[in-house]
């Protein structure tokens, strides 16, 4: 398998295919959310995800950014397992 150093967002845009309608070419955005307790009280958004949304039907999946960003060199292997490529 060929290794790549693509950014997680670029790799998701290129490889993801909607599991509901089969459409390619999603919109990928990095989003942040708050946790619980003090982070919610002070609106500290420290939990980050990649939101991958189908442009045809709107179906959306979330991927943990801390995992994908930490393992950029293994991203294609992870996507192959998740997406079945």
N, C-alpha and C. Protein backbone atom coordinates (compact mmCIF):
# COMPACT_ATOMS: atom_id res chain seq x y z
N UNK A 1 0.84 -1.17 0.00
CA UNK A 1 0.00 0.00 0.00
C UNK A 1 0.88 1.24 0.00
N UNK A 2 0.52 2.22 -0.81
CA UNK A 2 1.32 3.43 -0.92
C UNK A 2 1.03 4.37 0.25
N UNK A 3 2.09 4.85 0.89
CA UNK A 3 1.96 5.80 1.99
C UNK A 3 1.81 7.20 1.44
N UNK A 4 1.10 8.05 2.19
CA UNK A 4 0.94 9.43 1.79
C UNK A 4 1.06 10.34 3.00
N UNK A 5 1.45 11.56 2.77
CA UNK A 5 1.53 12.53 3.86
C UNK A 5 0.43 13.57 3.70
N UNK A 6 -0.66 13.20 3.06
CA UNK A 6 -1.77 14.12 2.85
C UNK A 6 -2.35 14.56 4.19
N UNK A 7 -2.84 15.76 4.21
CA UNK A 7 -3.52 16.26 5.40
C UNK A 7 -4.80 15.45 5.57
N UNK A 8 -5.22 15.24 6.82
CA UNK A 8 -6.45 14.46 7.04
C UNK A 8 -7.65 14.99 6.27
N UNK A 9 -7.82 16.30 6.24
CA UNK A 9 -8.95 16.88 5.54
C UNK A 9 -8.90 16.57 4.05
N UNK A 10 -7.73 16.69 3.44
CA UNK A 10 -7.59 16.40 2.01
C UNK A 10 -7.83 14.92 1.72
N UNK A 11 -7.32 14.05 2.58
CA UNK A 11 -7.51 12.62 2.39
C UNK A 11 -8.98 12.24 2.49
N UNK A 12 -9.69 12.82 3.45
CA UNK A 12 -11.12 12.54 3.58
C UNK A 12 -11.88 13.03 2.36
N UNK A 13 -11.54 14.21 1.86
CA UNK A 13 -12.21 14.75 0.67
C UNK A 13 -12.00 13.85 -0.54
N UNK A 14 -10.82 13.27 -0.67
CA UNK A 14 -10.51 12.45 -1.84
C UNK A 14 -11.05 11.03 -1.74
N UNK A 15 -11.10 10.46 -0.53
CA UNK A 15 -11.39 9.03 -0.39
C UNK A 15 -12.81 8.70 0.08
N UNK A 16 -13.48 9.64 0.75
CA UNK A 16 -14.77 9.34 1.37
C UNK A 16 -15.87 9.23 0.33
N UNK A 17 -16.74 8.26 0.53
CA UNK A 17 -17.91 8.07 -0.32
C UNK A 17 -19.10 7.88 0.61
N UNK A 18 -20.20 8.56 0.36
CA UNK A 18 -21.36 8.52 1.24
C UNK A 18 -21.91 7.09 1.36
N UNK A 19 -22.03 6.58 2.60
CA UNK A 19 -22.57 5.23 2.77
C UNK A 19 -24.08 5.16 2.56
N UNK A 20 -24.76 6.30 2.55
CA UNK A 20 -26.22 6.32 2.36
C UNK A 20 -26.61 6.36 0.89
N UNK A 21 -26.01 7.31 0.14
CA UNK A 21 -26.43 7.48 -1.27
C UNK A 21 -25.33 7.19 -2.27
N UNK A 22 -24.09 7.00 -1.79
CA UNK A 22 -22.99 6.66 -2.68
C UNK A 22 -22.30 7.83 -3.36
N UNK A 23 -22.72 9.05 -3.04
CA UNK A 23 -22.14 10.22 -3.70
C UNK A 23 -20.70 10.45 -3.22
N UNK A 24 -19.81 10.82 -4.14
CA UNK A 24 -18.44 11.17 -3.76
C UNK A 24 -18.35 12.67 -3.46
N UNK A 25 -17.15 13.14 -3.19
CA UNK A 25 -16.83 14.55 -3.02
C UNK A 25 -17.63 15.23 -1.91
N UNK A 26 -17.32 14.92 -0.66
CA UNK A 26 -18.03 15.53 0.46
C UNK A 26 -17.46 16.90 0.81
N UNK A 27 -18.13 17.58 1.70
CA UNK A 27 -17.59 18.78 2.33
C UNK A 27 -16.98 18.34 3.65
N UNK A 28 -15.73 18.74 3.90
CA UNK A 28 -15.05 18.37 5.14
C UNK A 28 -14.70 19.64 5.89
N UNK A 29 -15.13 19.69 7.15
CA UNK A 29 -14.84 20.84 8.00
C UNK A 29 -14.28 20.35 9.32
N UNK A 30 -13.36 21.11 9.90
CA UNK A 30 -12.87 20.81 11.24
C UNK A 30 -13.71 21.62 12.21
N UNK A 31 -14.34 20.93 13.16
CA UNK A 31 -15.21 21.61 14.12
C UNK A 31 -14.68 21.40 15.54
N UNK A 32 -15.08 22.29 16.43
CA UNK A 32 -14.69 22.20 17.83
C UNK A 32 -15.93 22.18 18.69
N UNK A 33 -15.86 21.43 19.78
CA UNK A 33 -16.98 21.37 20.72
C UNK A 33 -16.47 21.53 22.15
N UNK A 34 -17.37 21.85 23.04
CA UNK A 34 -17.01 21.93 24.45
C UNK A 34 -17.20 20.56 25.08
N UNK A 35 -16.56 20.35 26.19
CA UNK A 35 -16.76 19.13 26.97
C UNK A 35 -17.82 19.41 28.02
N UNK A 36 -17.59 18.86 29.20
CA UNK A 36 -18.51 19.11 30.29
C UNK A 36 -17.85 19.94 31.37
N UNK A 37 -18.58 20.24 32.41
CA UNK A 37 -18.02 20.94 33.57
C UNK A 37 -17.54 22.34 33.26
N UNK A 38 -16.31 22.65 33.69
CA UNK A 38 -15.77 23.99 33.55
C UNK A 38 -15.58 24.41 32.09
N UNK A 39 -15.21 23.47 31.23
CA UNK A 39 -15.03 23.85 29.82
C UNK A 39 -16.35 24.30 29.21
N UNK A 40 -17.45 23.72 29.64
CA UNK A 40 -18.75 24.15 29.15
C UNK A 40 -19.11 25.51 29.74
N UNK A 41 -18.84 25.69 31.03
CA UNK A 41 -19.14 26.94 31.71
C UNK A 41 -18.41 28.11 31.07
N UNK A 42 -17.13 27.92 30.74
CA UNK A 42 -16.33 28.99 30.16
C UNK A 42 -16.27 28.93 28.63
N UNK A 43 -17.05 28.06 28.02
CA UNK A 43 -17.13 27.91 26.57
C UNK A 43 -15.75 27.68 25.95
N UNK A 44 -15.00 26.74 26.53
CA UNK A 44 -13.69 26.36 26.01
C UNK A 44 -13.90 25.17 25.08
N UNK A 45 -13.63 25.38 23.81
CA UNK A 45 -13.87 24.35 22.81
C UNK A 45 -12.57 23.61 22.52
N UNK A 46 -12.34 22.55 23.26
CA UNK A 46 -11.08 21.83 23.14
C UNK A 46 -11.20 20.46 22.49
N UNK A 47 -12.40 20.03 22.19
CA UNK A 47 -12.60 18.74 21.54
C UNK A 47 -12.84 19.00 20.05
N UNK A 48 -11.98 18.43 19.21
CA UNK A 48 -12.03 18.73 17.78
C UNK A 48 -12.36 17.47 16.96
N UNK A 49 -13.14 17.68 15.90
CA UNK A 49 -13.55 16.61 15.01
C UNK A 49 -13.46 17.08 13.57
N UNK A 50 -13.36 16.12 12.65
CA UNK A 50 -13.58 16.39 11.24
C UNK A 50 -15.00 15.96 10.94
N UNK A 51 -15.83 16.90 10.46
CA UNK A 51 -17.20 16.60 10.06
C UNK A 51 -17.18 16.41 8.55
N UNK A 52 -17.57 15.21 8.10
CA UNK A 52 -17.58 14.88 6.68
C UNK A 52 -19.04 14.77 6.26
N UNK A 53 -19.49 15.69 5.41
CA UNK A 53 -20.90 15.76 5.02
C UNK A 53 -21.09 15.52 3.54
N UNK A 54 -22.08 14.70 3.23
CA UNK A 54 -22.44 14.43 1.85
C UNK A 54 -23.12 15.67 1.27
N UNK A 55 -22.66 16.10 0.11
CA UNK A 55 -23.25 17.27 -0.55
C UNK A 55 -24.57 16.96 -1.23
N UNK A 56 -24.91 15.67 -1.35
CA UNK A 56 -26.15 15.30 -2.04
C UNK A 56 -27.30 15.05 -1.05
N UNK A 57 -27.04 14.24 0.00
CA UNK A 57 -28.14 13.89 0.91
C UNK A 57 -27.99 14.49 2.32
N UNK A 58 -26.81 15.04 2.64
CA UNK A 58 -26.62 15.68 3.94
C UNK A 58 -26.13 14.77 5.04
N UNK A 59 -25.99 13.48 4.77
CA UNK A 59 -25.49 12.55 5.78
C UNK A 59 -24.11 13.03 6.25
N UNK A 60 -23.86 12.96 7.57
CA UNK A 60 -22.60 13.46 8.13
C UNK A 60 -22.01 12.44 9.10
N UNK A 61 -20.69 12.27 9.01
CA UNK A 61 -19.95 11.44 9.95
C UNK A 61 -18.90 12.32 10.63
N UNK A 62 -18.59 12.00 11.90
CA UNK A 62 -17.55 12.72 12.65
C UNK A 62 -16.37 11.81 12.88
N UNK A 63 -15.16 12.36 12.69
CA UNK A 63 -13.92 11.63 12.94
C UNK A 63 -13.10 12.41 13.95
N UNK A 64 -12.56 11.74 14.95
CA UNK A 64 -11.79 12.36 16.01
C UNK A 64 -10.50 12.97 15.44
N UNK A 65 -10.40 14.29 15.50
CA UNK A 65 -9.24 14.98 14.92
C UNK A 65 -7.96 14.65 15.66
N UNK A 66 -8.03 14.38 16.95
CA UNK A 66 -6.79 14.07 17.69
C UNK A 66 -6.17 12.77 17.20
N UNK A 67 -6.98 11.86 16.75
CA UNK A 67 -6.47 10.59 16.21
C UNK A 67 -5.90 10.81 14.81
N UNK A 68 -6.67 11.46 13.94
CA UNK A 68 -6.23 11.65 12.56
C UNK A 68 -5.04 12.60 12.45
N UNK A 69 -5.02 13.66 13.24
CA UNK A 69 -3.91 14.61 13.18
C UNK A 69 -2.62 14.01 13.76
N UNK A 70 -2.76 13.17 14.75
CA UNK A 70 -1.59 12.56 15.39
C UNK A 70 -0.96 11.50 14.49
N UNK A 71 -1.78 10.85 13.71
CA UNK A 71 -1.31 9.73 12.89
C UNK A 71 -1.45 10.04 11.40
N UNK A 72 -0.99 11.20 10.98
CA UNK A 72 -1.16 11.60 9.58
C UNK A 72 -0.57 10.59 8.61
N UNK A 73 0.56 10.00 8.96
CA UNK A 73 1.18 9.04 8.05
C UNK A 73 0.41 7.73 7.98
N UNK A 74 -0.47 7.45 8.93
CA UNK A 74 -1.28 6.23 8.91
C UNK A 74 -2.70 6.50 8.47
N UNK A 75 -3.00 7.72 8.07
CA UNK A 75 -4.37 8.10 7.74
C UNK A 75 -4.99 7.24 6.66
N UNK A 76 -4.27 6.97 5.61
CA UNK A 76 -4.84 6.18 4.53
C UNK A 76 -5.19 4.78 4.98
N UNK A 77 -4.38 4.19 5.87
CA UNK A 77 -4.69 2.88 6.41
C UNK A 77 -5.98 2.92 7.22
N UNK A 78 -6.15 3.96 8.02
CA UNK A 78 -7.36 4.11 8.84
C UNK A 78 -8.58 4.27 7.94
N UNK A 79 -8.46 5.13 6.93
CA UNK A 79 -9.58 5.35 6.01
C UNK A 79 -9.94 4.07 5.25
N UNK A 80 -8.94 3.28 4.89
CA UNK A 80 -9.22 2.02 4.21
C UNK A 80 -10.06 1.10 5.08
N UNK A 81 -9.76 1.08 6.37
CA UNK A 81 -10.52 0.23 7.30
C UNK A 81 -11.94 0.78 7.49
N UNK A 82 -12.05 2.09 7.72
CA UNK A 82 -13.36 2.71 7.98
C UNK A 82 -14.25 2.69 6.75
N UNK A 83 -13.69 3.07 5.62
CA UNK A 83 -14.47 3.22 4.40
C UNK A 83 -14.53 1.94 3.58
N UNK A 84 -13.57 1.07 3.79
CA UNK A 84 -13.55 -0.18 3.06
C UNK A 84 -12.96 -0.04 1.67
N UNK A 85 -11.95 0.81 1.54
CA UNK A 85 -11.36 1.09 0.22
C UNK A 85 -10.36 0.09 -0.22
